[in-house]
C-alpha atoms as a PDB file:
ATOM      1  CA  MET A   1     -13.247 -15.471 -12.223  1.00  0.00           C
ATOM      2  CA  SER A   2     -10.175 -13.590 -11.211  1.00  0.00           C
ATOM      3  CA  MET A   3      -8.102 -10.506 -11.916  1.00  0.00           C
ATOM      4  CA  TYR A   4      -4.516 -10.139 -13.048  1.00  0.00           C
ATOM      5  CA  PHE A   5      -2.026  -7.517 -11.908  1.00  0.00           C
ATOM      6  CA  ASP A   6       0.812  -7.707 -14.441  1.00  0.00           C
ATOM      7  CA  ILE A   7       4.136  -6.107 -15.285  1.00  0.00           C
ATOM      8  CA  ASP A   8       5.364  -6.689 -18.824  1.00  0.00           C
ATOM      9  CA  GLY A   9       3.313  -9.867 -19.189  1.00  0.00           C
ATOM     10  CA  GLU A  10       4.336 -11.332 -15.818  1.00  0.00           C
ATOM     11  CA  THR A  11       1.503 -11.812 -13.348  1.00  0.00           C
ATOM     12  CA  LEU A  12       2.370 -10.414  -9.918  1.00  0.00           C
ATOM     13  CA  TRP A  13      -0.955 -11.228  -8.331  1.00  0.00           C
ATOM     14  CA  ASN A  14      -4.048 -13.142  -9.430  1.00  0.00           C
ATOM     15  CA  PRO A  15      -6.723 -12.432  -6.797  1.00  0.00           C
ATOM     16  CA  SER A  16     -10.377 -13.367  -6.976  1.00  0.00           C
ATOM     17  CA  ASN A  17     -12.572 -10.670  -8.498  1.00  0.00           C
ATOM     18  CA  GLY A  18     -13.908  -9.712  -5.071  1.00  0.00           C
ATOM     19  CA  ALA A  19     -10.465  -9.212  -3.540  1.00  0.00           C
ATOM     20  CA  GLY A  20      -9.194  -7.481  -6.672  1.00  0.00           C
ATOM     21  CA  ARG A  21     -12.138  -5.043  -6.828  1.00  0.00           C
ATOM     22  CA  LEU A  22     -11.758  -4.210  -3.133  1.00  0.00           C
ATOM     23  CA  PHE A  23      -8.027  -3.587  -3.605  1.00  0.00           C
ATOM     24  CA  LEU A  24      -8.688  -1.316  -6.611  1.00  0.00           C
ATOM     25  CA  ARG A  25     -11.275   0.698  -4.708  1.00  0.00           C
ATOM     26  CA  GLN A  26      -8.786   1.191  -1.908  1.00  0.00           C
ATOM     27  CA  VAL A  27      -6.140   2.200  -4.468  1.00  0.00           C
ATOM     28  CA  GLU A  28      -8.461   5.050  -5.474  1.00  0.00           C
ATOM     29  CA  VAL A  29      -8.859   6.134  -1.842  1.00  0.00           C
ATOM     30  CA  PHE A  30      -5.110   6.244  -1.243  1.00  0.00           C
ATOM     31  CA  GLU A  31      -4.362   7.925  -4.572  1.00  0.00           C
ATOM     32  CA  ALA A  32      -6.639  10.728  -3.357  1.00  0.00           C
ATOM     33  CA  GLU A  33      -5.170  10.732   0.168  1.00  0.00           C
ATOM     34  CA  LEU A  34      -1.581  10.911  -1.088  1.00  0.00           C
ATOM     35  CA  ASN A  35      -2.413  13.001  -4.161  1.00  0.00           C
ATOM     36  CA  LEU A  36      -0.364  10.550  -6.261  1.00  0.00           C
ATOM     37  CA  PRO A  37      -1.203   8.156  -9.079  1.00  0.00           C
ATOM     38  CA  SER A  38      -0.708   4.480  -8.249  1.00  0.00           C
ATOM     39  CA  GLY A  39       0.502   3.309 -11.635  1.00  0.00           C
ATOM     40  CA  ILE A  40      -2.156   0.585 -11.737  1.00  0.00           C
ATOM     41  CA  GLY A  41      -4.443   0.702 -14.747  1.00  0.00           C
ATOM     42  CA  GLN A  42      -5.772  -1.056 -17.794  1.00  0.00           C
ATOM     43  CA  GLY A  43      -3.180  -3.137 -19.574  1.00  0.00           C
ATOM     44  CA  LYS A  44      -2.784  -4.409 -23.100  1.00  0.00           C
ATOM     45  CA  TYR A  45      -6.289  -5.908 -23.076  1.00  0.00           C
ATOM     46  CA  TRP A  46      -8.189  -2.619 -22.844  1.00  0.00           C
ATOM     47  CA  GLY A  47     -11.546  -4.338 -23.201  1.00  0.00           C
ATOM     48  CA  ASP A  48     -10.800  -6.640 -20.260  1.00  0.00           C
ATOM     49  CA  PRO A  49     -11.372  -4.887 -16.910  1.00  0.00           C
ATOM     50  CA  ASP A  50      -9.854  -7.855 -15.069  1.00  0.00           C
ATOM     51  CA  THR A  51      -6.340  -7.425 -16.490  1.00  0.00           C
ATOM     52  CA  LEU A  52      -4.416  -4.519 -15.003  1.00  0.00           C
ATOM     53  CA  GLU A  53      -0.930  -3.326 -15.835  1.00  0.00           C
ATOM     54  CA  VAL A  54       1.350  -2.024 -13.093  1.00  0.00           C
ATOM     55  CA  VAL A  55       3.759   0.717 -14.219  1.00  0.00           C
ATOM     56  CA  PRO A  56       6.848   0.010 -12.089  1.00  0.00           C
ATOM     57  CA  ALA A  57       8.278   3.533 -11.687  1.00  0.00           C
ATOM     58  CA  VAL A  58       4.904   5.089 -10.855  1.00  0.00           C
ATOM     59  CA  TYR A  59       3.923   2.263  -8.508  1.00  0.00           C
ATOM     60  CA  ALA A  60       7.308   2.465  -6.763  1.00  0.00           C
ATOM     61  CA  ASP A  61       6.715   6.135  -5.912  1.00  0.00           C
ATOM     62  CA  PHE A  62       3.159   5.378  -4.773  1.00  0.00           C
ATOM     63  CA  ALA A  63       4.165   2.410  -2.592  1.00  0.00           C
ATOM     64  CA  ARG A  64       7.074   4.247  -0.962  1.00  0.00           C
ATOM     65  CA  SER A  65       4.946   7.319  -0.246  1.00  0.00           C
ATOM     66  CA  LEU A  66       2.178   5.102   1.109  1.00  0.00           C
ATOM     67  CA  VAL A  67       4.537   3.365   3.537  1.00  0.00           C
ATOM     68  CA  ASP A  68       6.024   6.662   4.670  1.00  0.00           C
ATOM     69  CA  TRP A  69       2.534   8.094   5.244  1.00  0.00           C
ATOM     70  CA  TYR A  70       1.368   4.986   7.099  1.00  0.00           C
ATOM     71  CA  CYS A  71       4.404   4.654   9.355  1.00  0.00           C
ATOM     72  CA  ARG A  72       4.342   8.310  10.344  1.00  0.00           C
ATOM     73  CA  THR A  73       0.666   8.639  11.210  1.00  0.00           C
ATOM     74  CA  GLY A  74      -0.086   8.952  14.871  1.00  0.00           C
ATOM     75  CA  HIS A  75      -3.715   7.950  14.685  1.00  0.00           C
ATOM     76  CA  SER A  76      -4.680   4.458  15.862  1.00  0.00           C
ATOM     77  CA  VAL A  77      -7.928   4.349  13.867  1.00  0.00           C
ATOM     78  CA  ILE A  78      -6.169   5.411  10.650  1.00  0.00           C
ATOM     79  CA  LEU A  79      -3.562   2.712  11.251  1.00  0.00           C
ATOM     80  CA  ALA A  80      -6.256   0.091  11.788  1.00  0.00           C
ATOM     81  CA  LEU A  81      -8.217   1.151   8.704  1.00  0.00           C
ATOM     82  CA  SER A  82      -5.096   1.194   6.513  1.00  0.00           C
ATOM     83  CA  GLU A  83      -2.985  -1.762   7.652  1.00  0.00           C
ATOM     84  CA  GLY A  84      -4.305  -4.477   5.351  1.00  0.00           C
ATOM     85  CA  PHE A  85      -4.198  -2.343   2.231  1.00  0.00           C
ATOM     86  CA  VAL A  86      -0.720  -0.967   2.911  1.00  0.00           C
ATOM     87  CA  ALA A  87       0.676  -4.455   3.648  1.00  0.00           C
ATOM     88  CA  THR A  88      -0.880  -5.805   0.435  1.00  0.00           C
ATOM     89  CA  ALA A  89       0.546  -2.872  -1.539  1.00  0.00           C
ATOM     90  CA  VAL A  90       4.013  -3.561  -0.087  1.00  0.00           C
ATOM     91  CA  ALA A  91       3.806  -7.279  -0.940  1.00  0.00           C
ATOM     92  CA  LEU A  92       2.797  -6.395  -4.518  1.00  0.00           C
ATOM     93  CA  ALA A  93       5.686  -3.918  -4.784  1.00  0.00           C
ATOM     94  CA  ARG A  94       8.189  -6.496  -3.585  1.00  0.00           C
ATOM     95  CA  ARG A  95       6.889  -8.997  -6.142  1.00  0.00           C
ATOM     96  CA  ALA A  96       7.527  -6.344  -8.787  1.00  0.00           C
ATOM     97  CA  GLY A  97      11.134  -6.046  -7.613  1.00  0.00           C
ATOM     98  CA  ILE A  98      10.488  -2.658  -6.035  1.00  0.00           C
ATOM     99  CA  GLU A  99      12.423  -2.090  -2.847  1.00  0.00           C
ATOM    100  CA  VAL A 100      10.228  -0.493  -0.203  1.00  0.00           C
ATOM    101  CA  GLU A 101      12.190   0.504   2.860  1.00  0.00           C
ATOM    102  CA  MET A 102      10.534   1.128   6.168  1.00  0.00           C
ATOM    103  CA  PRO A 103      11.215   4.668   7.412  1.00  0.00           C
ATOM    104  CA  ALA A 104      13.664   5.323  10.184  1.00  0.00           C
ATOM    105  CA  PRO A 105      12.212   6.030  13.622  1.00  0.00           C
ATOM    106  CA  SER A 106      10.952   9.580  13.949  1.00  0.00           C
ATOM    107  CA  SER A 107      11.147  11.985  16.824  1.00  0.00           C
ATOM    108  CA  GLY A 108       7.400  11.685  17.304  1.00  0.00           C
ATOM    109  CA  ARG A 109       6.611  14.708  15.153  1.00  0.00           C
ATOM    110  CA  THR A 110       4.673  14.330  11.963  1.00  0.00           C
ATOM    111  CA  ARG A 111       6.092  15.418   8.617  1.00  0.00           C
ATOM    112  CA  GLY A 112       6.514  19.162   8.459  1.00  0.00           C
ATOM    113  CA  GLY A 113       5.543  19.463  12.092  1.00  0.00           C
ATOM    114  CA  VAL A 114       1.847  19.711  11.140  1.00  0.00           C
ATOM    115  CA  GLU A 115      -0.626  17.300  12.693  1.00  0.00           C
ATOM    116  CA  ARG A 116      -3.686  16.926  10.465  1.00  0.00           C
ATOM    117  CA  ASP A 117      -5.316  14.046  12.294  1.00  0.00           C
ATOM    118  CA  VAL A 118      -4.939  14.367  16.031  1.00  0.00           C
ATOM    119  CA  GLN A 119      -6.123  11.495  18.187  1.00  0.00           C
ATOM    120  CA  VAL A 120      -8.155  12.367  21.235  1.00  0.00           C
ATOM    121  CA  PRO A 121      -7.695  11.401  23.996  1.00  0.00           C
ATOM    122  CA  GLY A 122      -3.952  11.463  24.000  1.00  0.00           C
ATOM    123  CA  ASN A 123      -1.658   9.755  21.555  1.00  0.00           C
ATOM    124  CA  PRO A 124      -1.005   6.138  22.555  1.00  0.00           C
ATOM    125  CA  ARG A 125       0.821   5.528  19.278  1.00  0.00           C
ATOM    126  CA  ALA A 126       3.628   3.082  19.075  1.00  0.00           C
ATOM    127  CA  GLY A 127       6.932   4.349  17.789  1.00  0.00           C
ATOM    128  CA  THR A 128       7.610   4.508  14.048  1.00  0.00           C
ATOM    129  CA  ALA A 129       9.993   1.558  14.317  1.00  0.00           C
ATOM    130  CA  ASP A 130       7.294  -0.633  15.907  1.00  0.00           C
ATOM    131  CA  ILE A 131       4.762   0.333  13.241  1.00  0.00           C
ATOM    132  CA  ALA A 132       7.268  -0.302  10.440  1.00  0.00           C
ATOM    133  CA  THR A 133       8.266  -3.697  11.855  1.00  0.00           C
ATOM    134  CA  ALA A 134       4.635  -4.780  12.186  1.00  0.00           C
ATOM    135  CA  LEU A 135       3.908  -3.613   8.626  1.00  0.00           C
ATOM    136  CA  ASP A 136       6.915  -5.499   7.239  1.00  0.00           C
ATOM    137  CA  THR A 137       5.852  -8.681   9.036  1.00  0.00           C
ATOM    138  CA  ARG A 138       2.259  -8.353   7.789  1.00  0.00           C
ATOM    139  CA  ALA A 139       3.415  -7.778   4.182  1.00  0.00           C
ATOM    140  CA  GLN A 140       5.569 -10.916   4.307  1.00  0.00           C
ATOM    141  CA  GLU A 141       2.640 -12.893   5.707  1.00  0.00           C
ATOM    142  CA  LEU A 142       0.246 -11.630   3.024  1.00  0.00           C
ATOM    143  CA  ASP A 143       2.716 -12.455   0.257  1.00  0.00           C
ATOM    144  CA  ARG A 144       2.289 -16.134   1.136  1.00  0.00           C
ATOM    145  CA  TRP A 145      -1.493 -15.835   0.664  1.00  0.00           C
ATOM    146  CA  MET A 146      -1.465 -13.850  -2.608  1.00  0.00           C
ATOM    147  CA  ALA A 147      -1.953 -16.186  -5.591  1.00  0.00           C
ATOM    148  CA  ARG A 148       0.091 -15.657  -8.731  1.00  0.00           C
END
C-alpha cells in the first residue's frame, strides 16, 4: 500500500504508507509550530485517506515559512530534529513547481531579535548560509529517493 500526494491529478510523491503517515504527523507538528496551514489535505477521493491533495498557494507559504524558520534557528537539537522533514517538504515543493529560496545570511540575531529557544552551553551554530546550503543539498538528495 502507498499514499499519493497530488496536485490537480498529478502525483508529486507516492511514498509507502509508513513514510506517508510519518510525514503527515510531522506536517501537523510544524503547522502548530509555525501557526500556518500546510495546504495538504484530503483530495477528490474523500473516502480514501491515502490520497491527499496539495493546495499550491497554501503549501508555498507553508514551505517558505518552514525554510525561513529552520534556517534561522540557532538551536542544534532543533536543527537535528527538523532536518529530514524540512528537506522532504522542500523537495515536495520543488516538485510542485514552487520556488523555495534559501534565506540570505543573517547577522546572527533571530527574527525580531527575540530568542525563544536558547542553546546552553553557548551557541555553536553554523551560519545561516551554511545551514541553507546543507538543507538545499539534502532536499536535492531526497528528491532522488522520493517515488512518484
